[in-house]
Amino acid sequence: MEALIVLIISVVIYTAIYWIWVITIDSLSIPQTVGVGLVSVLLGFIFYYTTVYLLRKRRIGRKDD
Protein backbone atom coordinates (compact mmCIF):
# COMPACT_ATOMS: atom_id res chain seq x y z
CA MET A 1 0.00 0.00 0.00
CA GLU A 2 2.80 2.41 0.94
CA ALA A 3 4.64 1.59 -2.27
CA LEU A 4 1.55 2.44 -4.32
CA ILE A 5 1.16 5.79 -2.56
CA VAL A 6 4.85 6.58 -3.12
CA LEU A 7 4.53 5.63 -6.80
CA ILE A 8 1.49 7.87 -7.30
CA ILE A 9 3.12 10.81 -5.50
CA SER A 10 6.34 10.33 -7.47
CA VAL A 11 4.48 10.25 -10.80
CA VAL A 12 2.54 13.42 -9.90
CA ILE A 13 5.73 15.22 -8.81
CA TYR A 14 7.62 14.01 -11.89
CA THR A 15 4.82 15.14 -14.22
CA ALA A 16 4.73 18.58 -12.59
CA ILE A 17 8.52 18.95 -12.77
CA TYR A 18 8.53 17.72 -16.38
CA TRP A 19 5.97 20.29 -17.53
CA ILE A 20 7.70 23.09 -15.60
CA TRP A 21 10.96 22.13 -17.32
CA VAL A 22 9.32 21.89 -20.76
CA ILE A 23 7.99 25.44 -20.34
CA THR A 24 11.32 26.70 -18.93
CA ILE A 25 13.40 25.01 -21.65
CA ASP A 26 11.17 26.50 -24.34
CA SER A 27 11.31 30.00 -22.88
CA LEU A 28 15.04 30.07 -22.00
CA SER A 29 16.27 28.04 -25.00
CA ILE A 30 18.19 25.62 -22.75
CA PRO A 31 19.46 22.53 -24.62
CA GLN A 32 16.92 19.75 -24.10
CA THR A 33 19.56 17.22 -23.00
CA VAL A 34 20.53 19.51 -20.10
CA GLY A 35 16.89 19.81 -19.04
CA VAL A 36 16.30 16.06 -19.25
CA GLY A 37 19.49 15.45 -17.24
CA LEU A 38 18.43 17.85 -14.50
CA VAL A 39 14.93 16.35 -14.32
CA SER A 40 16.43 12.85 -14.09
CA VAL A 41 18.77 13.88 -11.26
CA LEU A 42 15.92 15.59 -9.41
CA LEU A 43 13.68 12.54 -9.83
CA GLY A 44 16.50 10.33 -8.55
CA PHE A 45 16.79 12.45 -5.40
CA ILE A 46 13.02 12.33 -4.87
CA PHE A 47 12.96 8.51 -5.15
CA TYR A 48 16.03 8.16 -2.90
CA TYR A 49 14.77 10.39 -0.11
CA THR A 50 11.24 8.93 -0.25
CA THR A 51 12.66 5.41 0.05
CA VAL A 52 14.97 6.38 2.92
CA TYR A 53 12.08 8.13 4.71
CA LEU A 54 9.79 5.10 4.39
CA LEU A 55 12.51 2.69 5.55
CA ARG A 56 13.23 4.82 8.64
CA LYS A 57 9.51 5.12 9.37
CA ARG A 58 9.10 1.34 9.07
CA ARG A 59 12.10 0.65 11.38
CA ILE A 60 10.72 3.01 14.02
CA GLY A 61 7.35 1.25 13.76
CA ARG A 62 8.97 -2.15 14.33
CA LYS A 63 10.83 -0.92 17.42
CA ASP A 64 7.57 0.26 18.97
CA ASP A 65 5.91 -3.16 18.52
C-alpha atoms as a PDB file:
ATOM      1  CA  MET A   1       0.000   0.000   0.000  1.00  0.00           C
ATOM      2  CA  GLU A   2       2.797   2.408   0.941  1.00  0.00           C
ATOM      3  CA  ALA A   3       4.643   1.591  -2.269  1.00  0.00           C
ATOM      4  CA  LEU A   4       1.555   2.438  -4.320  1.00  0.00           C
ATOM      5  CA  ILE A   5       1.162   5.795  -2.563  1.00  0.00           C
ATOM      6  CA  VAL A   6       4.850   6.578  -3.122  1.00  0.00           C
ATOM      7  CA  LEU A   7       4.530   5.634  -6.796  1.00  0.00           C
ATOM      8  CA  ILE A   8       1.490   7.871  -7.303  1.00  0.00           C
ATOM      9  CA  ILE A   9       3.125  10.813  -5.495  1.00  0.00           C
ATOM     10  CA  SER A  10       6.344  10.335  -7.470  1.00  0.00           C
ATOM     11  CA  VAL A  11       4.476  10.251 -10.797  1.00  0.00           C
ATOM     12  CA  VAL A  12       2.545  13.420  -9.904  1.00  0.00           C
ATOM     13  CA  ILE A  13       5.734  15.221  -8.814  1.00  0.00           C
ATOM     14  CA  TYR A  14       7.617  14.006 -11.894  1.00  0.00           C
ATOM     15  CA  THR A  15       4.822  15.141 -14.219  1.00  0.00           C
ATOM     16  CA  ALA A  16       4.731  18.583 -12.591  1.00  0.00           C
ATOM     17  CA  ILE A  17       8.524  18.945 -12.774  1.00  0.00           C
ATOM     18  CA  TYR A  18       8.531  17.717 -16.382  1.00  0.00           C
ATOM     19  CA  TRP A  19       5.973  20.292 -17.530  1.00  0.00           C
ATOM     20  CA  ILE A  20       7.698  23.090 -15.600  1.00  0.00           C
ATOM     21  CA  TRP A  21      10.964  22.133 -17.316  1.00  0.00           C
ATOM     22  CA  VAL A  22       9.320  21.888 -20.756  1.00  0.00           C
ATOM     23  CA  ILE A  23       7.993  25.438 -20.338  1.00  0.00           C
ATOM     24  CA  THR A  24      11.324  26.698 -18.932  1.00  0.00           C
ATOM     25  CA  ILE A  25      13.400  25.007 -21.647  1.00  0.00           C
ATOM     26  CA  ASP A  26      11.167  26.498 -24.344  1.00  0.00           C
ATOM     27  CA  SER A  27      11.311  30.005 -22.883  1.00  0.00           C
ATOM     28  CA  LEU A  28      15.038  30.066 -21.996  1.00  0.00           C
ATOM     29  CA  SER A  29      16.268  28.039 -25.001  1.00  0.00           C
ATOM     30  CA  ILE A  30      18.193  25.620 -22.753  1.00  0.00           C
ATOM     31  CA  PRO A  31      19.457  22.530 -24.619  1.00  0.00           C
ATOM     32  CA  GLN A  32      16.920  19.749 -24.104  1.00  0.00           C
ATOM     33  CA  THR A  33      19.563  17.218 -23.004  1.00  0.00           C
ATOM     34  CA  VAL A  34      20.526  19.508 -20.104  1.00  0.00           C
ATOM     35  CA  GLY A  35      16.885  19.807 -19.042  1.00  0.00           C
ATOM     36  CA  VAL A  36      16.298  16.057 -19.255  1.00  0.00           C
ATOM     37  CA  GLY A  37      19.488  15.447 -17.244  1.00  0.00           C
ATOM     38  CA  LEU A  38      18.430  17.849 -14.500  1.00  0.00           C
ATOM     39  CA  VAL A  39      14.932  16.350 -14.325  1.00  0.00           C
ATOM     40  CA  SER A  40      16.433  12.847 -14.086  1.00  0.00           C
ATOM     41  CA  VAL A  41      18.775  13.878 -11.258  1.00  0.00           C
ATOM     42  CA  LEU A  42      15.921  15.588  -9.411  1.00  0.00           C
ATOM     43  CA  LEU A  43      13.678  12.539  -9.826  1.00  0.00           C
ATOM     44  CA  GLY A  44      16.500  10.328  -8.546  1.00  0.00           C
ATOM     45  CA  PHE A  45      16.794  12.454  -5.400  1.00  0.00           C
ATOM     46  CA  ILE A  46      13.017  12.331  -4.866  1.00  0.00           C
ATOM     47  CA  PHE A  47      12.957   8.512  -5.148  1.00  0.00           C
ATOM     48  CA  TYR A  48      16.031   8.164  -2.904  1.00  0.00           C
ATOM     49  CA  TYR A  49      14.766  10.387  -0.106  1.00  0.00           C
ATOM     50  CA  THR A  50      11.239   8.932  -0.252  1.00  0.00           C
ATOM     51  CA  THR A  51      12.660   5.410   0.047  1.00  0.00           C
ATOM     52  CA  VAL A  52      14.970   6.384   2.924  1.00  0.00           C
ATOM     53  CA  TYR A  53      12.080   8.130   4.708  1.00  0.00           C
ATOM     54  CA  LEU A  54       9.788   5.096   4.391  1.00  0.00           C
ATOM     55  CA  LEU A  55      12.510   2.690   5.553  1.00  0.00           C
ATOM     56  CA  ARG A  56      13.232   4.823   8.637  1.00  0.00           C
ATOM     57  CA  LYS A  57       9.505   5.117   9.368  1.00  0.00           C
ATOM     58  CA  ARG A  58       9.104   1.341   9.067  1.00  0.00           C
ATOM     59  CA  ARG A  59      12.097   0.651  11.375  1.00  0.00           C
ATOM     60  CA  ILE A  60      10.723   3.005  14.024  1.00  0.00           C
ATOM     61  CA  GLY A  61       7.347   1.245  13.761  1.00  0.00           C
ATOM     62  CA  ARG A  62       8.968  -2.148  14.332  1.00  0.00           C
ATOM     63  CA  LYS A  63      10.834  -0.919  17.423  1.00  0.00           C
ATOM     64  CA  ASP A  64       7.572   0.256  18.966  1.00  0.00           C
ATOM     65  CA  ASP A  65       5.908  -3.162  18.517  1.00  0.00           C
END
